[in-house]
């Protein structure tokens, strides 16, 4: 009967004790303290930190700081003590579908303001389509922080 080499035994013992073998890097990543459901706005009180070995999240697939999550909206259920994938959160929607919005065209000192109905939901900076209430024409514009839609020529 052959005995396992001493190094193999030591590495297996280290893994069994929860130590990271071969000096693997541990990183502190934000994790939910409880279940966060889709549509919930993430607050600082909902997050904690936990150490993960083997450089988890180094490829940018998970959020690396609490600041990257606070104020965002969960797109899917986030489980406690698990890293949060970056695709599982989104910026909050400033404009919702069918919301009445102000359409602003500003070119060379001339400002035209109209009102319309949003055909798409959007966060700040998103390009969405809006139907002008007066003419019925559909225009495309960028969502502003105040909820208005800025359209430009071309």
N, C-alpha and C. Protein backbone atom coordinates (compact mmCIF):
# COMPACT_ATOMS: atom_id res chain seq x y z
N UNK A 1 0.84 -1.18 0.00
CA UNK A 1 0.00 0.00 0.00
C UNK A 1 0.88 1.24 0.00
N UNK A 2 0.56 2.20 -0.86
CA UNK A 2 1.38 3.39 -1.04
C UNK A 2 0.83 4.55 -0.21
N UNK A 3 1.71 5.28 0.49
CA UNK A 3 1.30 6.42 1.30
C UNK A 3 1.30 7.68 0.43
N UNK A 4 0.30 8.58 0.62
CA UNK A 4 0.29 9.83 -0.17
C UNK A 4 1.44 10.72 0.24
N UNK A 5 1.97 11.48 -0.69
CA UNK A 5 3.07 12.39 -0.38
C UNK A 5 2.64 13.40 0.70
N UNK A 6 3.61 13.82 1.49
CA UNK A 6 3.35 14.72 2.62
C UNK A 6 2.73 16.05 2.16
N UNK A 7 3.16 16.61 1.02
CA UNK A 7 2.63 17.88 0.53
C UNK A 7 1.13 17.78 0.24
N UNK A 8 0.72 16.67 -0.37
CA UNK A 8 -0.70 16.48 -0.68
C UNK A 8 -1.51 16.44 0.60
N UNK A 9 -1.02 15.77 1.60
CA UNK A 9 -1.72 15.67 2.88
C UNK A 9 -1.84 17.06 3.52
N UNK A 10 -0.76 17.85 3.47
CA UNK A 10 -0.79 19.18 4.06
C UNK A 10 -1.76 20.11 3.34
N UNK A 11 -1.79 20.05 2.00
CA UNK A 11 -2.70 20.89 1.23
C UNK A 11 -4.15 20.51 1.52
N UNK A 12 -4.44 19.22 1.56
CA UNK A 12 -5.80 18.77 1.86
C UNK A 12 -6.21 19.17 3.26
N UNK A 13 -5.30 19.12 4.21
CA UNK A 13 -5.60 19.54 5.58
C UNK A 13 -5.89 21.04 5.63
N UNK A 14 -5.13 21.83 4.87
CA UNK A 14 -5.35 23.28 4.84
C UNK A 14 -6.71 23.61 4.25
N UNK A 15 -7.09 22.91 3.18
CA UNK A 15 -8.39 23.14 2.55
C UNK A 15 -9.51 22.75 3.51
N UNK A 16 -9.35 21.63 4.21
CA UNK A 16 -10.36 21.17 5.16
C UNK A 16 -10.54 22.17 6.31
N UNK A 17 -9.49 22.86 6.68
CA UNK A 17 -9.56 23.85 7.77
C UNK A 17 -10.04 25.21 7.29
N UNK A 18 -10.27 25.35 5.99
CA UNK A 18 -10.74 26.62 5.46
C UNK A 18 -9.64 27.57 5.08
N UNK A 19 -8.41 27.15 5.12
CA UNK A 19 -7.30 28.01 4.72
C UNK A 19 -7.17 27.98 3.21
N UNK A 20 -6.76 29.08 2.63
CA UNK A 20 -6.61 29.12 1.18
C UNK A 20 -5.24 28.54 0.80
N UNK A 21 -5.22 27.52 -0.04
CA UNK A 21 -3.96 26.88 -0.41
C UNK A 21 -3.11 27.75 -1.32
N UNK A 22 -1.83 27.59 -1.20
CA UNK A 22 -0.86 28.25 -2.06
C UNK A 22 -0.99 29.77 -2.04
N UNK A 23 -1.42 30.31 -0.91
CA UNK A 23 -1.47 31.77 -0.73
C UNK A 23 -2.46 32.47 -1.64
N UNK A 24 -3.59 31.84 -1.94
CA UNK A 24 -4.59 32.47 -2.80
C UNK A 24 -5.10 33.75 -2.13
N UNK A 25 -5.36 34.75 -2.94
CA UNK A 25 -5.78 36.05 -2.44
C UNK A 25 -7.22 36.00 -1.97
N UNK A 26 -7.49 36.63 -0.83
CA UNK A 26 -8.85 36.78 -0.35
C UNK A 26 -9.30 38.20 -0.59
N UNK A 27 -10.54 38.37 -1.01
CA UNK A 27 -11.07 39.70 -1.29
C UNK A 27 -12.36 39.89 -0.52
N UNK A 28 -12.55 41.10 -0.02
CA UNK A 28 -13.79 41.46 0.65
C UNK A 28 -14.76 41.98 -0.41
N UNK A 29 -15.92 41.33 -0.50
CA UNK A 29 -16.93 41.73 -1.48
C UNK A 29 -18.23 42.03 -0.75
N UNK A 30 -19.03 42.97 -1.27
CA UNK A 30 -20.33 43.24 -0.65
C UNK A 30 -21.29 42.09 -0.90
N UNK A 31 -22.07 41.76 0.12
CA UNK A 31 -23.07 40.69 0.03
C UNK A 31 -24.36 41.17 0.69
N UNK A 32 -25.51 40.70 0.23
CA UNK A 32 -26.76 41.03 0.91
C UNK A 32 -26.80 40.40 2.31
N UNK A 33 -27.35 41.11 3.28
CA UNK A 33 -27.51 40.56 4.63
C UNK A 33 -28.76 39.70 4.72
N UNK A 34 -29.72 39.95 3.84
CA UNK A 34 -30.95 39.16 3.76
C UNK A 34 -31.34 39.06 2.30
N UNK A 35 -32.47 38.42 2.04
CA UNK A 35 -32.93 38.28 0.65
C UNK A 35 -33.37 39.65 0.13
N UNK A 36 -32.90 40.00 -1.06
CA UNK A 36 -33.32 41.24 -1.74
C UNK A 36 -34.10 40.80 -2.98
N UNK A 37 -35.34 41.27 -3.09
CA UNK A 37 -36.22 40.82 -4.16
C UNK A 37 -36.15 41.75 -5.38
N UNK A 38 -36.52 41.24 -6.56
CA UNK A 38 -36.51 42.08 -7.76
C UNK A 38 -37.37 43.32 -7.57
N UNK A 39 -36.85 44.46 -7.98
CA UNK A 39 -37.56 45.72 -7.84
C UNK A 39 -37.21 46.48 -6.57
N UNK A 40 -36.56 45.82 -5.61
CA UNK A 40 -36.15 46.50 -4.37
C UNK A 40 -34.98 47.44 -4.65
N UNK A 41 -35.04 48.63 -4.07
CA UNK A 41 -33.91 49.56 -4.15
C UNK A 41 -32.93 49.17 -3.05
N UNK A 42 -31.67 48.99 -3.40
CA UNK A 42 -30.66 48.52 -2.45
C UNK A 42 -30.17 49.69 -1.60
N UNK A 43 -30.28 49.52 -0.27
CA UNK A 43 -29.81 50.52 0.69
C UNK A 43 -28.58 49.97 1.40
N UNK A 44 -27.80 50.87 1.99
CA UNK A 44 -26.57 50.46 2.68
C UNK A 44 -26.85 49.48 3.81
N UNK A 45 -27.98 49.64 4.48
CA UNK A 45 -28.33 48.76 5.60
C UNK A 45 -28.61 47.33 5.16
N UNK A 46 -28.81 47.11 3.86
CA UNK A 46 -29.08 45.77 3.33
C UNK A 46 -27.81 45.01 3.00
N UNK A 47 -26.64 45.68 3.10
CA UNK A 47 -25.39 45.07 2.64
C UNK A 47 -24.40 44.88 3.77
N UNK A 48 -23.61 43.82 3.64
CA UNK A 48 -22.47 43.57 4.51
C UNK A 48 -21.29 43.22 3.63
N UNK A 49 -20.22 42.75 4.25
CA UNK A 49 -19.05 42.32 3.47
C UNK A 49 -18.62 40.94 3.93
N UNK A 50 -18.06 40.19 3.00
CA UNK A 50 -17.58 38.85 3.31
C UNK A 50 -16.33 38.58 2.48
N UNK A 51 -15.41 37.81 3.05
CA UNK A 51 -14.17 37.48 2.34
C UNK A 51 -14.41 36.30 1.41
N UNK A 52 -13.89 36.41 0.20
CA UNK A 52 -13.96 35.33 -0.78
C UNK A 52 -12.55 35.05 -1.26
N UNK A 53 -12.21 33.78 -1.36
CA UNK A 53 -10.89 33.38 -1.81
C UNK A 53 -10.81 33.24 -3.31
N UNK A 54 -9.63 32.96 -3.79
CA UNK A 54 -9.36 32.71 -5.20
C UNK A 54 -9.68 33.90 -6.09
N UNK A 55 -9.61 35.11 -5.54
CA UNK A 55 -9.78 36.31 -6.35
C UNK A 55 -11.16 36.44 -6.95
N UNK A 56 -12.20 35.94 -6.27
CA UNK A 56 -13.55 35.98 -6.79
C UNK A 56 -13.94 37.38 -7.23
N UNK A 57 -14.46 37.53 -8.43
CA UNK A 57 -14.94 38.80 -8.93
C UNK A 57 -13.88 39.66 -9.58
N UNK A 58 -12.67 39.15 -9.73
CA UNK A 58 -11.60 39.95 -10.31
C UNK A 58 -11.88 40.28 -11.77
N UNK A 59 -12.76 39.53 -12.41
CA UNK A 59 -13.06 39.77 -13.81
C UNK A 59 -14.18 40.79 -14.01
N UNK A 60 -14.67 41.38 -12.93
CA UNK A 60 -15.73 42.39 -13.04
C UNK A 60 -17.12 41.81 -13.13
N UNK A 61 -17.28 40.52 -12.93
CA UNK A 61 -18.60 39.91 -13.04
C UNK A 61 -19.44 40.11 -11.79
N UNK A 62 -18.82 40.51 -10.67
CA UNK A 62 -19.57 40.80 -9.45
C UNK A 62 -19.20 42.19 -8.95
N UNK A 63 -20.13 42.79 -8.20
CA UNK A 63 -19.88 44.12 -7.63
C UNK A 63 -18.75 44.03 -6.62
N UNK A 64 -17.81 44.96 -6.68
CA UNK A 64 -16.64 44.91 -5.81
C UNK A 64 -16.71 45.88 -4.63
N UNK A 65 -17.64 46.84 -4.67
CA UNK A 65 -17.79 47.79 -3.57
C UNK A 65 -19.27 47.99 -3.26
N UNK A 66 -19.54 48.41 -2.02
CA UNK A 66 -20.93 48.72 -1.66
C UNK A 66 -21.45 49.89 -2.49
N UNK A 67 -20.58 50.84 -2.78
CA UNK A 67 -20.97 52.00 -3.57
C UNK A 67 -21.50 51.65 -4.95
N UNK A 68 -21.05 50.53 -5.49
CA UNK A 68 -21.52 50.09 -6.81
C UNK A 68 -22.94 49.53 -6.74
N UNK A 69 -23.45 49.28 -5.53
CA UNK A 69 -24.78 48.68 -5.38
C UNK A 69 -25.81 49.62 -4.77
N UNK A 70 -25.37 50.52 -3.89
CA UNK A 70 -26.31 51.39 -3.17
C UNK A 70 -27.05 52.29 -4.15
N UNK A 71 -28.38 52.30 -4.04
CA UNK A 71 -29.22 53.11 -4.91
C UNK A 71 -29.65 52.39 -6.17
N UNK A 72 -29.08 51.23 -6.45
CA UNK A 72 -29.46 50.45 -7.64
C UNK A 72 -30.71 49.63 -7.32
N UNK A 73 -31.34 49.08 -8.35
CA UNK A 73 -32.53 48.26 -8.21
C UNK A 73 -32.18 46.82 -8.57
N UNK A 74 -32.62 45.88 -7.74
CA UNK A 74 -32.36 44.46 -8.01
C UNK A 74 -33.19 44.02 -9.20
N UNK A 75 -32.56 43.36 -10.15
CA UNK A 75 -33.26 42.83 -11.32
C UNK A 75 -33.73 41.41 -11.08
N UNK A 76 -33.08 40.73 -10.13
CA UNK A 76 -33.47 39.36 -9.77
C UNK A 76 -33.23 39.19 -8.27
N UNK A 77 -33.66 38.06 -7.72
CA UNK A 77 -33.51 37.81 -6.30
C UNK A 77 -32.03 37.67 -5.94
N UNK A 78 -31.61 38.42 -4.92
CA UNK A 78 -30.23 38.38 -4.44
C UNK A 78 -30.22 37.66 -3.10
N UNK A 79 -29.43 36.61 -2.99
CA UNK A 79 -29.42 35.78 -1.79
C UNK A 79 -28.37 36.25 -0.80
N UNK A 80 -28.63 36.03 0.50
CA UNK A 80 -27.68 36.45 1.54
C UNK A 80 -26.33 35.77 1.40
N UNK A 81 -25.28 36.50 1.76
CA UNK A 81 -23.91 35.99 1.81
C UNK A 81 -23.38 35.50 0.47
N UNK A 82 -23.97 35.94 -0.63
CA UNK A 82 -23.48 35.60 -1.96
C UNK A 82 -23.04 36.88 -2.66
N UNK A 83 -21.96 36.82 -3.45
CA UNK A 83 -21.57 38.02 -4.22
C UNK A 83 -22.70 38.43 -5.16
N UNK A 84 -22.80 39.71 -5.45
CA UNK A 84 -23.87 40.22 -6.31
C UNK A 84 -23.34 40.40 -7.73
N UNK A 85 -23.87 39.63 -8.70
CA UNK A 85 -23.44 39.81 -10.10
C UNK A 85 -23.80 41.21 -10.59
N UNK A 86 -22.94 41.80 -11.39
CA UNK A 86 -23.20 43.15 -11.88
C UNK A 86 -24.43 43.20 -12.77
N UNK A 87 -24.76 42.10 -13.43
CA UNK A 87 -25.95 42.09 -14.29
C UNK A 87 -27.24 41.90 -13.51
N UNK A 88 -27.14 41.68 -12.18
CA UNK A 88 -28.32 41.47 -11.36
C UNK A 88 -28.88 42.77 -10.80
N UNK A 89 -28.21 43.90 -11.07
CA UNK A 89 -28.69 45.20 -10.59
C UNK A 89 -28.74 46.18 -11.76
N UNK A 90 -29.58 47.19 -11.62
CA UNK A 90 -29.74 48.18 -12.68
C UNK A 90 -29.99 49.54 -12.04
N UNK A 91 -29.74 50.59 -12.79
CA UNK A 91 -30.04 51.94 -12.31
C UNK A 91 -31.56 52.08 -12.21
N UNK A 92 -32.05 52.85 -11.24
CA UNK A 92 -33.50 53.02 -11.12
C UNK A 92 -34.07 53.72 -12.34
N UNK A 93 -35.29 53.34 -12.71
CA UNK A 93 -35.96 53.93 -13.87
C UNK A 93 -36.53 55.30 -13.48
N UNK A 94 -36.17 56.32 -14.23
CA UNK A 94 -36.67 57.67 -14.00
C UNK A 94 -38.00 57.85 -14.73
N UNK A 95 -38.13 57.19 -15.88
CA UNK A 95 -39.33 57.28 -16.69
C UNK A 95 -39.90 55.88 -16.83
N UNK A 96 -41.22 55.75 -16.64
CA UNK A 96 -41.88 54.46 -16.81
C UNK A 96 -42.71 54.48 -18.09
N UNK A 97 -43.09 53.30 -18.55
CA UNK A 97 -43.89 53.19 -19.77
C UNK A 97 -45.22 53.91 -19.56
N UNK A 98 -45.66 54.64 -20.56
CA UNK A 98 -46.92 55.40 -20.59
C UNK A 98 -46.92 56.62 -19.67
N UNK A 99 -45.79 56.96 -19.07
CA UNK A 99 -45.73 58.15 -18.22
C UNK A 99 -45.80 59.40 -19.10
N UNK A 100 -46.44 60.44 -18.58
CA UNK A 100 -46.47 61.72 -19.28
C UNK A 100 -45.13 62.41 -19.03
N UNK A 101 -44.44 62.78 -20.10
CA UNK A 101 -43.11 63.38 -19.97
C UNK A 101 -43.03 64.68 -20.77
N UNK A 102 -42.10 65.52 -20.34
CA UNK A 102 -41.83 66.77 -21.06
C UNK A 102 -40.75 66.47 -22.10
N UNK A 103 -41.01 66.87 -23.35
CA UNK A 103 -40.05 66.69 -24.44
C UNK A 103 -39.40 68.05 -24.69
N UNK A 104 -38.07 68.09 -24.65
CA UNK A 104 -37.34 69.36 -24.81
C UNK A 104 -36.42 69.27 -26.01
N UNK A 105 -36.57 70.25 -26.92
CA UNK A 105 -35.66 70.40 -28.05
C UNK A 105 -34.95 71.73 -27.85
N UNK A 106 -33.61 71.70 -27.76
CA UNK A 106 -32.83 72.91 -27.50
C UNK A 106 -31.70 72.96 -28.53
N UNK A 107 -31.80 73.93 -29.45
CA UNK A 107 -30.80 74.04 -30.52
C UNK A 107 -30.51 75.51 -30.78
N UNK A 108 -29.29 75.92 -30.59
CA UNK A 108 -28.86 77.29 -30.92
C UNK A 108 -29.67 78.38 -30.24
N UNK A 109 -30.02 78.20 -29.00
CA UNK A 109 -30.77 79.22 -28.26
C UNK A 109 -32.27 79.10 -28.41
N UNK A 110 -32.75 78.28 -29.33
CA UNK A 110 -34.18 78.07 -29.50
C UNK A 110 -34.59 76.84 -28.69
N UNK A 111 -35.60 77.02 -27.86
CA UNK A 111 -36.08 75.91 -27.03
C UNK A 111 -37.54 75.65 -27.37
N UNK A 112 -37.85 74.40 -27.70
CA UNK A 112 -39.23 73.98 -27.96
C UNK A 112 -39.58 72.93 -26.92
N UNK A 113 -40.71 73.15 -26.26
CA UNK A 113 -41.16 72.20 -25.24
C UNK A 113 -42.51 71.64 -25.65
N UNK A 114 -42.64 70.33 -25.57
CA UNK A 114 -43.90 69.65 -25.86
C UNK A 114 -44.08 68.57 -24.80
N UNK A 115 -45.24 67.95 -24.83
CA UNK A 115 -45.49 66.86 -23.88
C UNK A 115 -45.84 65.61 -24.64
N UNK A 116 -45.47 64.48 -24.06
CA UNK A 116 -45.71 63.23 -24.74
C UNK A 116 -45.88 62.08 -23.76
N UNK A 117 -46.03 60.91 -24.33
CA UNK A 117 -46.21 59.69 -23.55
C UNK A 117 -45.04 58.75 -23.85
N UNK A 118 -44.36 58.31 -22.79
CA UNK A 118 -43.19 57.44 -22.96
C UNK A 118 -43.63 56.06 -23.47
N UNK A 119 -42.99 55.60 -24.52
CA UNK A 119 -43.28 54.27 -25.06
C UNK A 119 -42.34 53.22 -24.48
N UNK A 120 -41.31 53.68 -23.75
CA UNK A 120 -40.36 52.78 -23.12
C UNK A 120 -40.00 53.34 -21.75
N UNK A 121 -39.56 52.47 -20.85
CA UNK A 121 -39.03 52.91 -19.56
C UNK A 121 -37.56 53.24 -19.75
N UNK A 122 -37.03 54.12 -18.91
CA UNK A 122 -35.62 54.46 -19.06
C UNK A 122 -35.00 55.07 -17.82
N UNK A 123 -33.71 54.81 -17.67
CA UNK A 123 -32.90 55.42 -16.61
C UNK A 123 -32.23 56.65 -17.19
N UNK A 124 -31.60 57.45 -16.32
CA UNK A 124 -30.89 58.64 -16.78
C UNK A 124 -29.85 58.25 -17.84
N UNK A 125 -29.90 58.92 -18.98
CA UNK A 125 -28.96 58.66 -20.06
C UNK A 125 -29.44 57.67 -21.10
N UNK A 126 -30.52 56.94 -20.82
CA UNK A 126 -31.05 55.97 -21.79
C UNK A 126 -31.73 56.69 -22.94
N UNK A 127 -31.67 56.10 -24.11
CA UNK A 127 -32.35 56.59 -25.30
C UNK A 127 -33.70 55.88 -25.37
N UNK A 128 -34.81 56.63 -25.35
CA UNK A 128 -36.13 56.01 -25.39
C UNK A 128 -37.00 56.69 -26.45
N UNK A 129 -38.11 56.03 -26.79
CA UNK A 129 -39.06 56.57 -27.75
C UNK A 129 -40.24 57.19 -26.99
N UNK A 130 -40.71 58.32 -27.51
CA UNK A 130 -41.81 59.06 -26.89
C UNK A 130 -42.78 59.49 -27.98
N UNK A 131 -44.11 59.36 -27.70
CA UNK A 131 -45.12 59.81 -28.66
C UNK A 131 -45.59 61.21 -28.26
N UNK A 132 -45.44 62.16 -29.20
CA UNK A 132 -45.88 63.53 -28.97
C UNK A 132 -47.40 63.54 -28.85
N UNK A 133 -47.94 64.14 -27.77
CA UNK A 133 -49.39 64.14 -27.54
C UNK A 133 -50.15 64.98 -28.56
N UNK A 134 -49.53 66.04 -29.06
CA UNK A 134 -50.21 66.93 -30.00
C UNK A 134 -50.22 66.39 -31.42
N UNK A 135 -49.08 65.91 -31.90
CA UNK A 135 -48.97 65.50 -33.30
C UNK A 135 -49.08 63.99 -33.50
N UNK A 136 -48.85 63.21 -32.45
CA UNK A 136 -48.88 61.76 -32.58
C UNK A 136 -47.58 61.18 -33.13
N UNK A 137 -46.61 62.06 -33.46
CA UNK A 137 -45.33 61.59 -33.97
C UNK A 137 -44.51 60.94 -32.86
N UNK A 138 -43.75 59.93 -33.24
CA UNK A 138 -42.86 59.26 -32.29
C UNK A 138 -41.46 59.82 -32.47
N UNK A 139 -40.87 60.31 -31.38
CA UNK A 139 -39.51 60.86 -31.40
C UNK A 139 -38.65 60.05 -30.44
N UNK A 140 -37.35 60.13 -30.66
CA UNK A 140 -36.40 59.44 -29.79
C UNK A 140 -35.58 60.49 -29.06
N UNK A 141 -35.40 60.28 -27.76
CA UNK A 141 -34.63 61.24 -26.98
C UNK A 141 -33.95 60.58 -25.80
N UNK A 142 -33.10 61.35 -25.14
CA UNK A 142 -32.31 60.87 -24.01
C UNK A 142 -32.96 61.31 -22.70
N UNK A 143 -33.11 60.37 -21.76
CA UNK A 143 -33.72 60.66 -20.46
C UNK A 143 -32.78 61.54 -19.63
N UNK A 144 -33.33 62.62 -19.07
CA UNK A 144 -32.59 63.54 -18.21
C UNK A 144 -32.90 63.23 -16.74
N UNK A 145 -32.10 63.75 -15.84
CA UNK A 145 -32.26 63.48 -14.40
C UNK A 145 -33.60 63.96 -13.87
N UNK A 146 -34.16 65.02 -14.47
CA UNK A 146 -35.45 65.55 -13.99
C UNK A 146 -36.64 64.82 -14.59
N UNK A 147 -36.41 63.79 -15.41
CA UNK A 147 -37.48 63.01 -16.02
C UNK A 147 -37.92 63.52 -17.37
N UNK A 148 -37.35 64.63 -17.83
CA UNK A 148 -37.69 65.13 -19.17
C UNK A 148 -36.89 64.35 -20.21
N UNK A 149 -37.31 64.51 -21.46
CA UNK A 149 -36.64 63.82 -22.57
C UNK A 149 -36.05 64.88 -23.49
N UNK A 150 -34.74 64.83 -23.70
CA UNK A 150 -34.06 65.79 -24.57
C UNK A 150 -33.91 65.15 -25.95
N UNK A 151 -34.48 65.83 -26.94
CA UNK A 151 -34.34 65.36 -28.32
C UNK A 151 -33.42 66.31 -29.06
N UNK A 152 -32.78 65.78 -30.07
CA UNK A 152 -31.90 66.62 -30.89
C UNK A 152 -32.08 66.23 -32.34
N UNK A 153 -31.64 67.11 -33.23
CA UNK A 153 -31.77 66.86 -34.66
C UNK A 153 -30.88 65.69 -35.06
N UNK A 154 -31.39 64.85 -35.94
CA UNK A 154 -30.60 63.76 -36.49
C UNK A 154 -30.52 62.66 -35.56
